[in-house]
Amino acid sequence: MYEHFFQCPYCWEEISMLMDPSIRKQTYVEDCEVCCNPIEVTPEFEHNELIGFQATDIEQ
């Protein structure tokens, strides 16, 4: 597993998420551990290294 730290797009607190680097490109939704709002996470890996990352709020 790969741990990545970033700012929540809602509360701007630094949080971390564990991601599976064996899947090259993925998109999923996970709640912020601080404010509990849903974040759409899109990491991209190459040779088990993170080469791209996007965390966006989900419009309700």
N, C-alpha and C. Protein backbone atom coordinates (compact mmCIF):
# COMPACT_ATOMS: atom_id res chain seq x y z
N MET A 1 0.84 -1.19 0.00
CA MET A 1 0.00 0.00 0.00
C MET A 1 0.88 1.25 0.00
N TYR A 2 0.32 2.31 -0.50
CA TYR A 2 1.02 3.58 -0.64
C TYR A 2 0.23 4.64 0.13
N GLU A 3 0.88 5.36 1.05
CA GLU A 3 0.20 6.41 1.81
C GLU A 3 0.55 7.77 1.20
N HIS A 4 -0.49 8.57 0.96
CA HIS A 4 -0.29 9.90 0.37
C HIS A 4 -0.98 10.94 1.23
N PHE A 5 -0.28 12.04 1.53
CA PHE A 5 -0.81 13.13 2.33
C PHE A 5 -1.21 14.28 1.40
N PHE A 6 -2.37 14.90 1.69
CA PHE A 6 -2.86 16.01 0.88
C PHE A 6 -3.87 16.80 1.68
N GLN A 7 -4.30 17.95 1.15
CA GLN A 7 -5.29 18.79 1.83
C GLN A 7 -6.70 18.42 1.37
N CYS A 8 -7.61 18.33 2.32
CA CYS A 8 -9.02 18.08 2.02
C CYS A 8 -9.57 19.29 1.24
N PRO A 9 -10.30 19.06 0.14
CA PRO A 9 -10.85 20.18 -0.62
C PRO A 9 -12.02 20.89 0.08
N TYR A 10 -12.48 20.36 1.20
CA TYR A 10 -13.57 21.00 1.96
C TYR A 10 -13.03 21.79 3.16
N CYS A 11 -12.32 21.10 4.05
CA CYS A 11 -11.90 21.74 5.31
C CYS A 11 -10.43 22.19 5.29
N TRP A 12 -9.69 21.84 4.26
CA TRP A 12 -8.29 22.21 4.05
C TRP A 12 -7.32 21.63 5.07
N GLU A 13 -7.79 20.66 5.86
CA GLU A 13 -6.89 19.97 6.80
C GLU A 13 -6.04 18.97 6.03
N GLU A 14 -4.83 18.73 6.51
CA GLU A 14 -3.99 17.71 5.88
C GLU A 14 -4.47 16.33 6.33
N ILE A 15 -4.74 15.47 5.38
CA ILE A 15 -5.17 14.10 5.67
C ILE A 15 -4.32 13.15 4.83
N SER A 16 -4.46 11.86 5.09
CA SER A 16 -3.74 10.87 4.29
C SER A 16 -4.70 9.77 3.90
N MET A 17 -4.38 9.13 2.80
CA MET A 17 -5.16 7.98 2.33
C MET A 17 -4.20 6.91 1.87
N LEU A 18 -4.60 5.66 2.07
CA LEU A 18 -3.84 4.52 1.58
C LEU A 18 -4.36 4.14 0.21
N MET A 19 -3.44 3.92 -0.74
CA MET A 19 -3.83 3.58 -2.11
C MET A 19 -3.07 2.35 -2.55
N ASP A 20 -3.65 1.62 -3.48
CA ASP A 20 -3.05 0.40 -4.01
C ASP A 20 -2.27 0.74 -5.29
N PRO A 21 -0.93 0.73 -5.25
CA PRO A 21 -0.15 1.10 -6.42
C PRO A 21 -0.15 0.04 -7.53
N SER A 22 -0.71 -1.13 -7.28
CA SER A 22 -0.74 -2.17 -8.31
C SER A 22 -1.78 -1.88 -9.38
N ILE A 23 -2.69 -0.93 -9.12
CA ILE A 23 -3.69 -0.52 -10.10
C ILE A 23 -3.22 0.82 -10.67
N ARG A 24 -2.89 0.83 -11.97
CA ARG A 24 -2.24 1.99 -12.59
C ARG A 24 -3.04 3.28 -12.44
N LYS A 25 -4.30 3.28 -12.82
CA LYS A 25 -5.14 4.48 -12.70
C LYS A 25 -6.47 4.06 -12.10
N GLN A 26 -6.92 4.81 -11.13
CA GLN A 26 -8.15 4.48 -10.42
C GLN A 26 -8.87 5.75 -9.99
N THR A 27 -10.16 5.64 -9.78
CA THR A 27 -10.97 6.73 -9.25
C THR A 27 -11.95 6.13 -8.25
N TYR A 28 -12.00 6.71 -7.08
CA TYR A 28 -12.92 6.24 -6.06
C TYR A 28 -13.28 7.38 -5.12
N VAL A 29 -14.27 7.15 -4.26
CA VAL A 29 -14.72 8.16 -3.31
C VAL A 29 -14.42 7.67 -1.90
N GLU A 30 -13.82 8.55 -1.12
CA GLU A 30 -13.52 8.25 0.28
C GLU A 30 -13.82 9.49 1.11
N ASP A 31 -14.36 9.31 2.30
CA ASP A 31 -14.69 10.43 3.16
C ASP A 31 -13.45 11.00 3.85
N CYS A 32 -13.44 12.31 4.03
CA CYS A 32 -12.37 12.98 4.78
C CYS A 32 -12.43 12.50 6.23
N GLU A 33 -11.26 12.18 6.79
CA GLU A 33 -11.21 11.71 8.17
C GLU A 33 -11.44 12.81 9.19
N VAL A 34 -11.43 14.08 8.75
CA VAL A 34 -11.65 15.20 9.66
C VAL A 34 -13.10 15.71 9.57
N CYS A 35 -13.55 16.07 8.36
CA CYS A 35 -14.88 16.68 8.22
C CYS A 35 -15.95 15.71 7.68
N CYS A 36 -15.55 14.52 7.28
CA CYS A 36 -16.45 13.46 6.81
C CYS A 36 -17.13 13.73 5.46
N ASN A 37 -16.70 14.75 4.73
CA ASN A 37 -17.26 15.00 3.40
C ASN A 37 -16.63 14.05 2.38
N PRO A 38 -17.39 13.69 1.33
CA PRO A 38 -16.87 12.75 0.33
C PRO A 38 -15.89 13.43 -0.63
N ILE A 39 -14.77 12.77 -0.87
CA ILE A 39 -13.73 13.27 -1.76
C ILE A 39 -13.55 12.27 -2.89
N GLU A 40 -13.57 12.76 -4.13
CA GLU A 40 -13.25 11.90 -5.26
C GLU A 40 -11.74 11.91 -5.45
N VAL A 41 -11.14 10.74 -5.32
CA VAL A 41 -9.70 10.59 -5.36
C VAL A 41 -9.31 9.88 -6.66
N THR A 42 -8.35 10.46 -7.40
CA THR A 42 -7.89 9.87 -8.64
C THR A 42 -6.35 9.83 -8.64
N PRO A 43 -5.79 8.71 -8.16
CA PRO A 43 -4.33 8.56 -8.23
C PRO A 43 -3.93 7.82 -9.51
N GLU A 44 -2.70 8.09 -9.97
CA GLU A 44 -2.16 7.36 -11.11
C GLU A 44 -0.74 6.92 -10.76
N PHE A 45 -0.47 5.64 -10.98
CA PHE A 45 0.83 5.07 -10.64
C PHE A 45 1.54 4.56 -11.89
N GLU A 46 2.86 4.60 -11.83
CA GLU A 46 3.69 3.98 -12.86
C GLU A 46 4.87 3.32 -12.15
N HIS A 47 5.04 2.04 -12.36
CA HIS A 47 6.09 1.27 -11.69
C HIS A 47 6.02 1.44 -10.17
N ASN A 48 4.79 1.39 -9.64
CA ASN A 48 4.51 1.52 -8.20
C ASN A 48 4.88 2.88 -7.61
N GLU A 49 5.09 3.87 -8.45
CA GLU A 49 5.35 5.24 -7.99
C GLU A 49 4.18 6.13 -8.38
N LEU A 50 3.76 7.00 -7.46
CA LEU A 50 2.68 7.93 -7.73
C LEU A 50 3.16 9.00 -8.70
N ILE A 51 2.51 9.09 -9.88
CA ILE A 51 2.91 10.09 -10.87
C ILE A 51 1.83 11.16 -11.08
N GLY A 52 0.63 10.93 -10.54
CA GLY A 52 -0.44 11.91 -10.64
C GLY A 52 -1.44 11.70 -9.52
N PHE A 53 -2.01 12.80 -9.03
CA PHE A 53 -2.98 12.69 -7.94
C PHE A 53 -3.93 13.87 -8.00
N GLN A 54 -5.21 13.56 -7.86
CA GLN A 54 -6.23 14.62 -7.82
C GLN A 54 -7.24 14.26 -6.74
N ALA A 55 -7.60 15.23 -5.92
CA ALA A 55 -8.62 15.06 -4.89
C ALA A 55 -9.60 16.21 -5.04
N THR A 56 -10.84 15.90 -5.38
CA THR A 56 -11.83 16.94 -5.63
C THR A 56 -13.08 16.72 -4.78
N ASP A 57 -13.76 17.82 -4.50
CA ASP A 57 -15.02 17.73 -3.76
C ASP A 57 -16.10 17.20 -4.72
N ILE A 58 -17.10 16.59 -4.14
CA ILE A 58 -18.21 16.05 -4.93
C ILE A 58 -19.39 16.99 -4.77
N GLU A 59 -19.81 17.58 -5.86
CA GLU A 59 -20.94 18.51 -5.81
C GLU A 59 -22.21 17.74 -5.45
N GLN A 60 -22.93 18.28 -4.49
CA GLN A 60 -24.15 17.60 -4.01
C GLN A 60 -25.37 18.31 -4.49
